[in-house]
Amino acid sequence: MRVAVAGGTGAVGRHVVELLDAAGHDAVVLTRSTGHDLSRHDSVTAGAKKGIARSDAASATDAHRGLTAALAECAAVIDVSSIATTSGATSTAFFGAVTRNLLAAERAAGVPHHVALSIVGAAVAPSAYYAGKKLQEDLVMAEPGGWSILRATQFHEFAAQMAEQGRMGPLQVVPAMRSQPIAAAEVAEALVEIALGAPRGLDRDLGGPREENMADLVRRYLAATGHKRPVLEVPLPGAWGRALRDGTLLTAPGARLGRQTFGEWLAER
């Protein structure tokens, strides 16, 4: 089976590609490095904007044609594209363009199944990065059929990202946050299973095996990587801060749970 993977070199995407290859499927990687910058031109709206430069419109059209050609004979597209940002505007612009471009090219190429990875809590707490994921979900759900959405909790790697982004002088600042981290490889397994079958619509949520405190995860990560700076847990204000603390980002009863704990993941590193 031929399956395209948008973001096929990222934290989840590389596992998706490895799993497809190992099972004998033809994985088509869609990234900038393979000539597909999915967010650079919104091929759906670029030509319709008043006053748009002709070269930009032509570039968008060429990008659309190239993407459509890459999707020829694909049975599914798995979208695990991502962007490193905490800006709601940046996230919305990115996921809006990527999703519109993929869906338009899939329609043109006759791809019957679009599989999108979203985040648990994005639909009810659409702030910061989650704003883009909410838009992504809305765009996919607006399609008449042939789609699946898997919402997963944050990956184990998120603690490492927090450690990199939250350093302030001698301190490590971490937002007060309840988390349920899951292995990226296990999310990839679920996505591949979905893509190789019939469209499911909104699938059951997938979360890590246990609830954790993000500040504690960052402390453990820093200790394991030889850093001794103290961690300061800070409650963020507003609705977004409350969502981080009140369990909005955790799975509800009935969700699927992963196997690997954060501690096991950290030991492997």
C-alpha atoms as a PDB file:
ATOM      1  CA  MET A   1       0.000   0.000   0.000  1.00  0.00           C
ATOM      2  CA  ARG A   2       1.213   3.505  -0.834  1.00  0.00           C
ATOM      3  CA  VAL A   3       0.833   5.921   2.100  1.00  0.00           C
ATOM      4  CA  ALA A   4       1.990   9.549   2.242  1.00  0.00           C
ATOM      5  CA  VAL A   5       3.334  10.939   5.519  1.00  0.00           C
ATOM      6  CA  ALA A   6       3.253  14.720   5.979  1.00  0.00           C
ATOM      7  CA  GLY A   7       5.989  15.563   8.463  1.00  0.00           C
ATOM      8  CA  GLY A   8       7.645  12.193   7.947  1.00  0.00           C
ATOM      9  CA  THR A   9      10.945  13.172   9.564  1.00  0.00           C
ATOM     10  CA  GLY A  10       9.544  14.515  12.855  1.00  0.00           C
ATOM     11  CA  ALA A  11       9.167  12.955  16.299  1.00  0.00           C
ATOM     12  CA  VAL A  12       6.204  10.811  15.251  1.00  0.00           C
ATOM     13  CA  GLY A  13       6.638  10.884  11.495  1.00  0.00           C
ATOM     14  CA  ARG A  14       9.942   9.039  11.475  1.00  0.00           C
ATOM     15  CA  HIS A  15       8.372   6.193  13.445  1.00  0.00           C
ATOM     16  CA  VAL A  16       5.410   6.113  11.056  1.00  0.00           C
ATOM     17  CA  VAL A  17       7.737   5.823   8.069  1.00  0.00           C
ATOM     18  CA  GLU A  18       9.804   3.101   9.760  1.00  0.00           C
ATOM     19  CA  LEU A  19       6.685   1.078  10.542  1.00  0.00           C
ATOM     20  CA  LEU A  20       5.340   1.398   7.004  1.00  0.00           C
ATOM     21  CA  ASP A  21       8.689   0.411   5.509  1.00  0.00           C
ATOM     22  CA  ALA A  22       9.051  -2.565   7.860  1.00  0.00           C
ATOM     23  CA  ALA A  23       5.610  -3.827   6.843  1.00  0.00           C
ATOM     24  CA  GLY A  24       6.470  -3.605   3.153  1.00  0.00           C
ATOM     25  CA  HIS A  25       4.395  -0.526   2.337  1.00  0.00           C
ATOM     26  CA  ASP A  26       5.497   2.394   0.148  1.00  0.00           C
ATOM     27  CA  ALA A  27       5.922   5.456   2.369  1.00  0.00           C
ATOM     28  CA  VAL A  28       5.933   8.825   0.579  1.00  0.00           C
ATOM     29  CA  VAL A  29       7.582  11.438   2.820  1.00  0.00           C
ATOM     30  CA  LEU A  30       6.212  14.971   2.448  1.00  0.00           C
ATOM     31  CA  THR A  31       8.607  17.507   3.965  1.00  0.00           C
ATOM     32  CA  ARG A  32      10.602  20.522   2.849  1.00  0.00           C
ATOM     33  CA  SER A  33      13.588  18.228   2.307  1.00  0.00           C
ATOM     34  CA  THR A  34      11.597  16.197  -0.228  1.00  0.00           C
ATOM     35  CA  GLY A  35      10.408  19.320  -2.041  1.00  0.00           C
ATOM     36  CA  HIS A  36       7.038  19.800  -0.320  1.00  0.00           C
ATOM     37  CA  ASP A  37       6.775  22.876   1.893  1.00  0.00           C
ATOM     38  CA  LEU A  38       3.136  22.332   2.785  1.00  0.00           C
ATOM     39  CA  SER A  39       2.712  25.597   4.667  1.00  0.00           C
ATOM     40  CA  ARG A  40       4.512  28.004   2.352  1.00  0.00           C
ATOM     41  CA  HIS A  41       1.676  28.516  -0.110  1.00  0.00           C
ATOM     42  CA  ASP A  42      -1.985  28.014   0.624  1.00  0.00           C
ATOM     43  CA  SER A  43      -2.879  26.654  -2.800  1.00  0.00           C
ATOM     44  CA  VAL A  44      -6.603  26.831  -2.062  1.00  0.00           C
ATOM     45  CA  THR A  45      -6.823  30.541  -1.280  1.00  0.00           C
ATOM     46  CA  ALA A  46      -3.758  32.082  -2.914  1.00  0.00           C
ATOM     47  CA  GLY A  47      -5.256  32.415  -6.356  1.00  0.00           C
ATOM     48  CA  ALA A  48      -8.473  33.889  -4.987  1.00  0.00           C
ATOM     49  CA  LYS A  49      -6.955  36.739  -2.995  1.00  0.00           C
ATOM     50  CA  LYS A  50      -7.372  40.180  -4.531  1.00  0.00           C
ATOM     51  CA  GLY A  51      -4.133  41.862  -5.455  1.00  0.00           C
ATOM     52  CA  ILE A  52      -1.961  38.783  -4.973  1.00  0.00           C
ATOM     53  CA  ALA A  53       1.266  38.862  -6.947  1.00  0.00           C
ATOM     54  CA  ARG A  54       1.055  36.780 -10.109  1.00  0.00           C
ATOM     55  CA  SER A  55       4.294  34.983  -9.295  1.00  0.00           C
ATOM     56  CA  ASP A  56       2.951  33.984  -5.880  1.00  0.00           C
ATOM     57  CA  ALA A  57      -0.268  32.650  -7.393  1.00  0.00           C
ATOM     58  CA  ALA A  58       1.707  30.684  -9.983  1.00  0.00           C
ATOM     59  CA  SER A  59       4.006  29.334  -7.293  1.00  0.00           C
ATOM     60  CA  ALA A  60       1.004  28.191  -5.256  1.00  0.00           C
ATOM     61  CA  THR A  61      -0.473  26.487  -8.304  1.00  0.00           C
ATOM     62  CA  ASP A  62       2.802  24.705  -9.029  1.00  0.00           C
ATOM     63  CA  ALA A  63       3.044  23.576  -5.402  1.00  0.00           C
ATOM     64  CA  HIS A  64      -0.493  22.194  -5.583  1.00  0.00           C
ATOM     65  CA  ARG A  65       0.257  20.302  -8.784  1.00  0.00           C
ATOM     66  CA  GLY A  66       3.473  18.885  -7.357  1.00  0.00           C
ATOM     67  CA  LEU A  67       1.729  17.731  -4.195  1.00  0.00           C
ATOM     68  CA  THR A  68      -1.121  16.190  -6.187  1.00  0.00           C
ATOM     69  CA  ALA A  69       1.384  14.279  -8.307  1.00  0.00           C
ATOM     70  CA  ALA A  70       3.175  13.007  -5.189  1.00  0.00           C
ATOM     71  CA  LEU A  71      -0.117  11.635  -3.860  1.00  0.00           C
ATOM     72  CA  ALA A  72      -0.925   9.642  -6.989  1.00  0.00           C
ATOM     73  CA  GLU A  73      -2.069   6.100  -6.116  1.00  0.00           C
ATOM     74  CA  CYS A  74      -1.846   6.750  -2.361  1.00  0.00           C
ATOM     75  CA  ALA A  75      -4.425   4.895  -0.284  1.00  0.00           C
ATOM     76  CA  ALA A  76      -4.019   7.283   2.653  1.00  0.00           C
ATOM     77  CA  VAL A  77      -2.268  10.401   3.900  1.00  0.00           C
ATOM     78  CA  ILE A  78      -1.068  10.576   7.507  1.00  0.00           C
ATOM     79  CA  ASP A  79      -0.590  14.166   8.656  1.00  0.00           C
ATOM     80  CA  VAL A  80       1.849  14.450  11.548  1.00  0.00           C
ATOM     81  CA  SER A  81       3.246  17.826  10.490  1.00  0.00           C
ATOM     82  CA  SER A  82       4.155  20.226  13.278  1.00  0.00           C
ATOM     83  CA  ILE A  83       5.658  23.597  14.077  1.00  0.00           C
ATOM     84  CA  ALA A  84       7.603  24.790  17.118  1.00  0.00           C
ATOM     85  CA  THR A  85       5.590  27.746  18.413  1.00  0.00           C
ATOM     86  CA  THR A  86       3.497  28.930  21.352  1.00  0.00           C
ATOM     87  CA  SER A  87       1.780  31.588  19.227  1.00  0.00           C
ATOM     88  CA  GLY A  88      -1.858  30.924  18.427  1.00  0.00           C
ATOM     89  CA  ALA A  89      -1.664  33.048  15.273  1.00  0.00           C
ATOM     90  CA  THR A  90       1.424  31.235  13.991  1.00  0.00           C
ATOM     91  CA  SER A  91      -0.038  27.825  14.804  1.00  0.00           C
ATOM     92  CA  THR A  92      -3.348  28.669  13.122  1.00  0.00           C
ATOM     93  CA  ALA A  93      -1.633  29.955   9.982  1.00  0.00           C
ATOM     94  CA  PHE A  94       0.561  26.849   9.759  1.00  0.00           C
ATOM     95  CA  PHE A  95      -2.051  24.162  10.365  1.00  0.00           C
ATOM     96  CA  GLY A  96      -4.627  25.994   8.287  1.00  0.00           C
ATOM     97  CA  ALA A  97      -2.354  26.122   5.250  1.00  0.00           C
ATOM     98  CA  VAL A  98      -1.033  22.572   5.638  1.00  0.00           C
ATOM     99  CA  THR A  99      -4.473  21.045   6.104  1.00  0.00           C
ATOM    100  CA  ARG A 100      -6.101  22.950   3.249  1.00  0.00           C
ATOM    101  CA  ASN A 101      -3.236  22.109   0.908  1.00  0.00           C
ATOM    102  CA  LEU A 102      -3.274  18.425   1.791  1.00  0.00           C
ATOM    103  CA  LEU A 103      -7.046  18.052   1.536  1.00  0.00           C
ATOM    104  CA  ALA A 104      -7.174  19.863  -1.817  1.00  0.00           C
ATOM    105  CA  ALA A 105      -4.381  17.724  -3.259  1.00  0.00           C
ATOM    106  CA  GLU A 106      -5.958  14.551  -1.895  1.00  0.00           C
ATOM    107  CA  ARG A 107      -9.252  15.383  -3.589  1.00  0.00           C
ATOM    108  CA  ALA A 108      -7.454  16.039  -6.866  1.00  0.00           C
ATOM    109  CA  ALA A 109      -5.440  12.813  -6.611  1.00  0.00           C
ATOM    110  CA  GLY A 110      -8.377  10.695  -5.449  1.00  0.00           C
ATOM    111  CA  VAL A 111      -6.880   9.734  -2.068  1.00  0.00           C
ATOM    112  CA  PRO A 112      -9.693   8.073  -0.075  1.00  0.00           C
ATOM    113  CA  HIS A 113      -8.389   8.437   3.500  1.00  0.00           C
ATOM    114  CA  HIS A 114      -6.940  11.401   5.409  1.00  0.00           C
ATOM    115  CA  VAL A 115      -5.534  10.613   8.871  1.00  0.00           C
ATOM    116  CA  ALA A 116      -4.738  13.561  11.148  1.00  0.00           C
ATOM    117  CA  LEU A 117      -2.947  13.541  14.481  1.00  0.00           C
ATOM    118  CA  SER A 118      -4.414  16.037  16.953  1.00  0.00           C
ATOM    119  CA  ILE A 119      -4.036  16.614  20.689  1.00  0.00           C
ATOM    120  CA  VAL A 120      -6.291  15.678  23.577  1.00  0.00           C
ATOM    121  CA  GLY A 121      -7.885  18.899  24.812  1.00  0.00           C
ATOM    122  CA  ALA A 122      -7.348  20.971  21.659  1.00  0.00           C
ATOM    123  CA  ALA A 123     -11.058  21.165  20.859  1.00  0.00           C
ATOM    124  CA  VAL A 124     -12.008  22.535  24.292  1.00  0.00           C
ATOM    125  CA  ALA A 125      -8.914  24.648  25.011  1.00  0.00           C
ATOM    126  CA  PRO A 126      -7.996  26.213  21.652  1.00  0.00           C
ATOM    127  CA  SER A 127      -5.242  28.536  22.884  1.00  0.00           C
ATOM    128  CA  ALA A 128      -1.585  28.953  21.903  1.00  0.00           C
ATOM    129  CA  TYR A 129      -0.354  25.953  19.872  1.00  0.00           C
ATOM    130  CA  TYR A 130      -3.704  24.218  20.399  1.00  0.00           C
ATOM    131  CA  ALA A 131      -5.504  26.919  18.386  1.00  0.00           C
ATOM    132  CA  GLY A 132      -3.956  25.565  15.209  1.00  0.00           C
ATOM    133  CA  LYS A 133      -4.850  21.985  16.104  1.00  0.00           C
ATOM    134  CA  LYS A 134      -8.487  23.024  16.685  1.00  0.00           C
ATOM    135  CA  LEU A 135      -8.566  24.612  13.221  1.00  0.00           C
ATOM    136  CA  GLN A 136      -7.001  21.486  11.750  1.00  0.00           C
ATOM    137  CA  GLU A 137      -9.726  19.351  13.307  1.00  0.00           C
ATOM    138  CA  ASP A 138     -12.468  21.682  12.049  1.00  0.00           C
ATOM    139  CA  LEU A 139     -11.146  21.597   8.480  1.00  0.00           C
ATOM    140  CA  VAL A 140     -10.846  17.816   8.427  1.00  0.00           C
ATOM    141  CA  MET A 141     -14.281  17.286   9.982  1.00  0.00           C
ATOM    142  CA  ALA A 142     -15.806  19.564   7.331  1.00  0.00           C
ATOM    143  CA  GLU A 143     -14.855  17.009   4.674  1.00  0.00           C
ATOM    144  CA  PRO A 144     -17.804  14.850   3.592  1.00  0.00           C
ATOM    145  CA  GLY A 145     -16.021  11.596   4.450  1.00  0.00           C
ATOM    146  CA  GLY A 146     -12.856   9.579   4.197  1.00  0.00           C
ATOM    147  CA  TRP A 147     -11.098  10.910   7.288  1.00  0.00           C
ATOM    148  CA  SER A 148      -9.862   9.820  10.696  1.00  0.00           C
ATOM    149  CA  ILE A 149      -8.617  11.946  13.597  1.00  0.00           C
ATOM    150  CA  LEU A 150      -6.560  10.554  16.462  1.00  0.00           C
ATOM    151  CA  ARG A 151      -6.150  12.777  19.510  1.00  0.00           C
ATOM    152  CA  ALA A 152      -3.118  11.884  21.626  1.00  0.00           C
ATOM    153  CA  THR A 153      -1.615  13.387  24.757  1.00  0.00           C
ATOM    154  CA  GLN A 154       1.814  15.050  24.824  1.00  0.00           C
ATOM    155  CA  PHE A 155       4.849  12.920  24.028  1.00  0.00           C
ATOM    156  CA  HIS A 156       7.600  12.037  26.507  1.00  0.00           C
ATOM    157  CA  GLU A 157       9.835  14.402  24.515  1.00  0.00           C
ATOM    158  CA  PHE A 158       7.718  17.351  25.653  1.00  0.00           C
ATOM    159  CA  ALA A 159       9.608  17.456  28.971  1.00  0.00           C
ATOM    160  CA  ALA A 160      12.841  17.931  27.042  1.00  0.00           C
ATOM    161  CA  GLN A 161      11.250  20.773  25.074  1.00  0.00           C
ATOM    162  CA  MET A 162      10.148  22.412  28.314  1.00  0.00           C
ATOM    163  CA  ALA A 163      13.698  22.129  29.630  1.00  0.00           C
ATOM    164  CA  GLU A 164      15.074  23.829  26.525  1.00  0.00           C
ATOM    165  CA  GLN A 165      12.506  26.614  26.367  1.00  0.00           C
ATOM    166  CA  GLY A 166      12.045  27.464  30.041  1.00  0.00           C
ATOM    167  CA  ARG A 167      15.563  28.262  31.200  1.00  0.00           C
ATOM    168  CA  MET A 168      15.795  31.688  32.808  1.00  0.00           C
ATOM    169  CA  GLY A 169      19.290  32.360  34.076  1.00  0.00           C
ATOM    170  CA  PRO A 170      20.059  29.885  36.873  1.00  0.00           C
ATOM    171  CA  LEU A 171      16.397  28.784  37.097  1.00  0.00           C
ATOM    172  CA  GLN A 172      14.194  26.427  35.127  1.00  0.00           C
ATOM    173  CA  VAL A 173      10.651  27.778  34.808  1.00  0.00           C
ATOM    174  CA  VAL A 174       7.872  25.275  34.064  1.00  0.00           C
ATOM    175  CA  PRO A 175       4.134  25.996  33.847  1.00  0.00           C
ATOM    176  CA  ALA A 176       1.954  24.196  36.372  1.00  0.00           C
ATOM    177  CA  MET A 177       0.578  21.380  34.250  1.00  0.00           C
ATOM    178  CA  ARG A 178      -0.986  17.957  34.601  1.00  0.00           C
ATOM    179  CA  SER A 179       0.335  15.664  31.893  1.00  0.00           C
ATOM    180  CA  GLN A 180      -0.135  12.128  30.610  1.00  0.00           C
ATOM    181  CA  PRO A 181       2.935  11.573  28.428  1.00  0.00           C
ATOM    182  CA  ILE A 182       3.022   8.851  25.798  1.00  0.00           C
ATOM    183  CA  ALA A 183       5.745   7.353  23.614  1.00  0.00           C
ATOM    184  CA  ALA A 184       5.837   8.862  20.125  1.00  0.00           C
ATOM    185  CA  ALA A 185       6.466   5.377  18.725  1.00  0.00           C
ATOM    186  CA  GLU A 186       3.192   4.141  20.222  1.00  0.00           C
ATOM    187  CA  VAL A 187       1.295   7.033  18.661  1.00  0.00           C
ATOM    188  CA  ALA A 188       2.870   6.083  15.334  1.00  0.00           C
ATOM    189  CA  GLU A 189       1.670   2.493  15.754  1.00  0.00           C
ATOM    190  CA  ALA A 190      -1.897   3.677  16.244  1.00  0.00           C
ATOM    191  CA  LEU A 191      -1.743   6.012  13.235  1.00  0.00           C
ATOM    192  CA  VAL A 192      -0.452   3.304  10.921  1.00  0.00           C
ATOM    193  CA  GLU A 193      -3.161   0.910  12.106  1.00  0.00           C
ATOM    194  CA  ILE A 194      -5.800   3.542  11.349  1.00  0.00           C
ATOM    195  CA  ALA A 195      -4.351   4.431   7.927  1.00  0.00           C
ATOM    196  CA  LEU A 196      -4.280   0.828   6.758  1.00  0.00           C
ATOM    197  CA  GLY A 197      -7.983   0.391   7.510  1.00  0.00           C
ATOM    198  CA  ALA A 198     -11.252   2.098   6.718  1.00  0.00           C
ATOM    199  CA  PRO A 199     -11.824   5.715   7.842  1.00  0.00           C
ATOM    200  CA  ARG A 200     -12.955   5.938  11.480  1.00  0.00           C
ATOM    201  CA  GLY A 201     -13.942   9.581  11.869  1.00  0.00           C
ATOM    202  CA  LEU A 202     -13.030  10.782  15.360  1.00  0.00           C
ATOM    203  CA  ASP A 203     -11.249   7.804  16.903  1.00  0.00           C
ATOM    204  CA  ARG A 204     -10.803   7.001  20.592  1.00  0.00           C
ATOM    205  CA  ASP A 205      -8.263   9.199  22.376  1.00  0.00           C
ATOM    206  CA  LEU A 206      -4.810   7.796  23.086  1.00  0.00           C
ATOM    207  CA  GLY A 207      -2.871   8.720  26.215  1.00  0.00           C
ATOM    208  CA  GLY A 208       0.092   7.669  28.275  1.00  0.00           C
ATOM    209  CA  PRO A 209      -0.164   4.972  30.942  1.00  0.00           C
ATOM    210  CA  ARG A 210      -0.278   7.366  33.907  1.00  0.00           C
ATOM    211  CA  GLU A 211      -0.755  10.982  34.939  1.00  0.00           C
ATOM    212  CA  GLU A 212       2.378  12.970  35.733  1.00  0.00           C
ATOM    213  CA  ASN A 213       3.260  16.461  36.925  1.00  0.00           C
ATOM    214  CA  MET A 214       5.160  18.398  34.268  1.00  0.00           C
ATOM    215  CA  ALA A 215       7.490  20.134  36.735  1.00  0.00           C
ATOM    216  CA  ASP A 216       8.454  16.739  38.138  1.00  0.00           C
ATOM    217  CA  LEU A 217       9.083  15.385  34.630  1.00  0.00           C
ATOM    218  CA  VAL A 218      11.378  18.302  33.851  1.00  0.00           C
ATOM    219  CA  ARG A 219      13.252  17.811  37.145  1.00  0.00           C
ATOM    220  CA  ARG A 220      13.800  14.156  36.297  1.00  0.00           C
ATOM    221  CA  TYR A 221      14.899  15.001  32.769  1.00  0.00           C
ATOM    222  CA  LEU A 222      17.371  17.636  33.969  1.00  0.00           C
ATOM    223  CA  ALA A 223      18.832  15.247  36.553  1.00  0.00           C
ATOM    224  CA  ALA A 224      19.178  12.472  33.986  1.00  0.00           C
ATOM    225  CA  THR A 225      20.984  14.799  31.574  1.00  0.00           C
ATOM    226  CA  GLY A 226      23.383  16.187  34.174  1.00  0.00           C
ATOM    227  CA  HIS A 227      21.771  19.576  34.840  1.00  0.00           C
ATOM    228  CA  LYS A 228      21.205  20.794  38.383  1.00  0.00           C
ATOM    229  CA  ARG A 229      19.312  24.063  37.993  1.00  0.00           C
ATOM    230  CA  PRO A 230      16.275  24.352  40.305  1.00  0.00           C
ATOM    231  CA  VAL A 231      12.796  24.050  38.766  1.00  0.00           C
ATOM    232  CA  LEU A 232      10.239  26.767  39.517  1.00  0.00           C
ATOM    233  CA  GLU A 233       6.617  25.727  38.842  1.00  0.00           C
ATOM    234  CA  VAL A 234       4.509  28.728  37.771  1.00  0.00           C
ATOM    235  CA  PRO A 235       0.691  28.717  37.310  1.00  0.00           C
ATOM    236  CA  LEU A 236      -0.184  30.470  34.051  1.00  0.00           C
ATOM    237  CA  PRO A 237      -3.085  32.948  34.105  1.00  0.00           C
ATOM    238  CA  GLY A 238      -6.341  32.794  32.192  1.00  0.00           C
ATOM    239  CA  ALA A 239      -8.308  29.999  30.546  1.00  0.00           C
ATOM    240  CA  TRP A 240      -5.200  28.413  29.045  1.00  0.00           C
ATOM    241  CA  GLY A 241      -3.491  28.217  32.428  1.00  0.00           C
ATOM    242  CA  ARG A 242      -6.585  26.624  33.957  1.00  0.00           C
ATOM    243  CA  ALA A 243      -6.713  24.058  31.156  1.00  0.00           C
ATOM    244  CA  LEU A 244      -3.137  23.056  31.913  1.00  0.00           C
ATOM    245  CA  ARG A 245      -3.995  22.498  35.570  1.00  0.00           C
ATOM    246  CA  ASP A 246      -7.545  21.143  35.637  1.00  0.00           C
ATOM    247  CA  GLY A 247      -7.134  17.930  33.659  1.00  0.00           C
ATOM    248  CA  THR A 248      -8.463  19.203  30.331  1.00  0.00           C
ATOM    249  CA  LEU A 249      -5.372  17.801  28.614  1.00  0.00           C
ATOM    250  CA  LEU A 250      -5.788  14.334  30.116  1.00  0.00           C
ATOM    251  CA  THR A 251      -7.740  11.450  28.601  1.00  0.00           C
ATOM    252  CA  ALA A 252     -11.256  10.627  29.756  1.00  0.00           C
ATOM    253  CA  PRO A 253     -12.471   7.154  30.781  1.00  0.00           C
ATOM    254  CA  GLY A 254     -12.600   4.802  27.821  1.00  0.00           C
ATOM    255  CA  ALA A 255      -9.485   6.116  26.128  1.00  0.00           C
ATOM    256  CA  ARG A 256      -6.695   3.833  24.946  1.00  0.00           C
ATOM    257  CA  LEU A 257      -3.568   3.912  27.072  1.00  0.00           C
ATOM    258  CA  GLY A 258       0.016   3.412  25.999  1.00  0.00           C
ATOM    259  CA  ARG A 259       2.564   1.074  27.561  1.00  0.00           C
ATOM    260  CA  GLN A 260       5.857   2.925  28.059  1.00  0.00           C
ATOM    261  CA  THR A 261       6.133   5.190  31.096  1.00  0.00           C
ATOM    262  CA  PHE A 262       8.150   8.388  31.174  1.00  0.00           C
ATOM    263  CA  GLY A 263      10.657   6.717  33.487  1.00  0.00           C
ATOM    264  CA  GLU A 264      11.171   3.863  31.026  1.00  0.00           C
ATOM    265  CA  TRP A 265      11.595   6.311  28.170  1.00  0.00           C
ATOM    266  CA  LEU A 266      14.114   8.324  30.174  1.00  0.00           C
ATOM    267  CA  ALA A 267      16.081   5.175  31.037  1.00  0.00           C
ATOM    268  CA  GLU A 268      16.342   4.330  27.344  1.00  0.00           C
ATOM    269  CA  ARG A 269      17.906   7.709  26.651  1.00  0.00           C
END
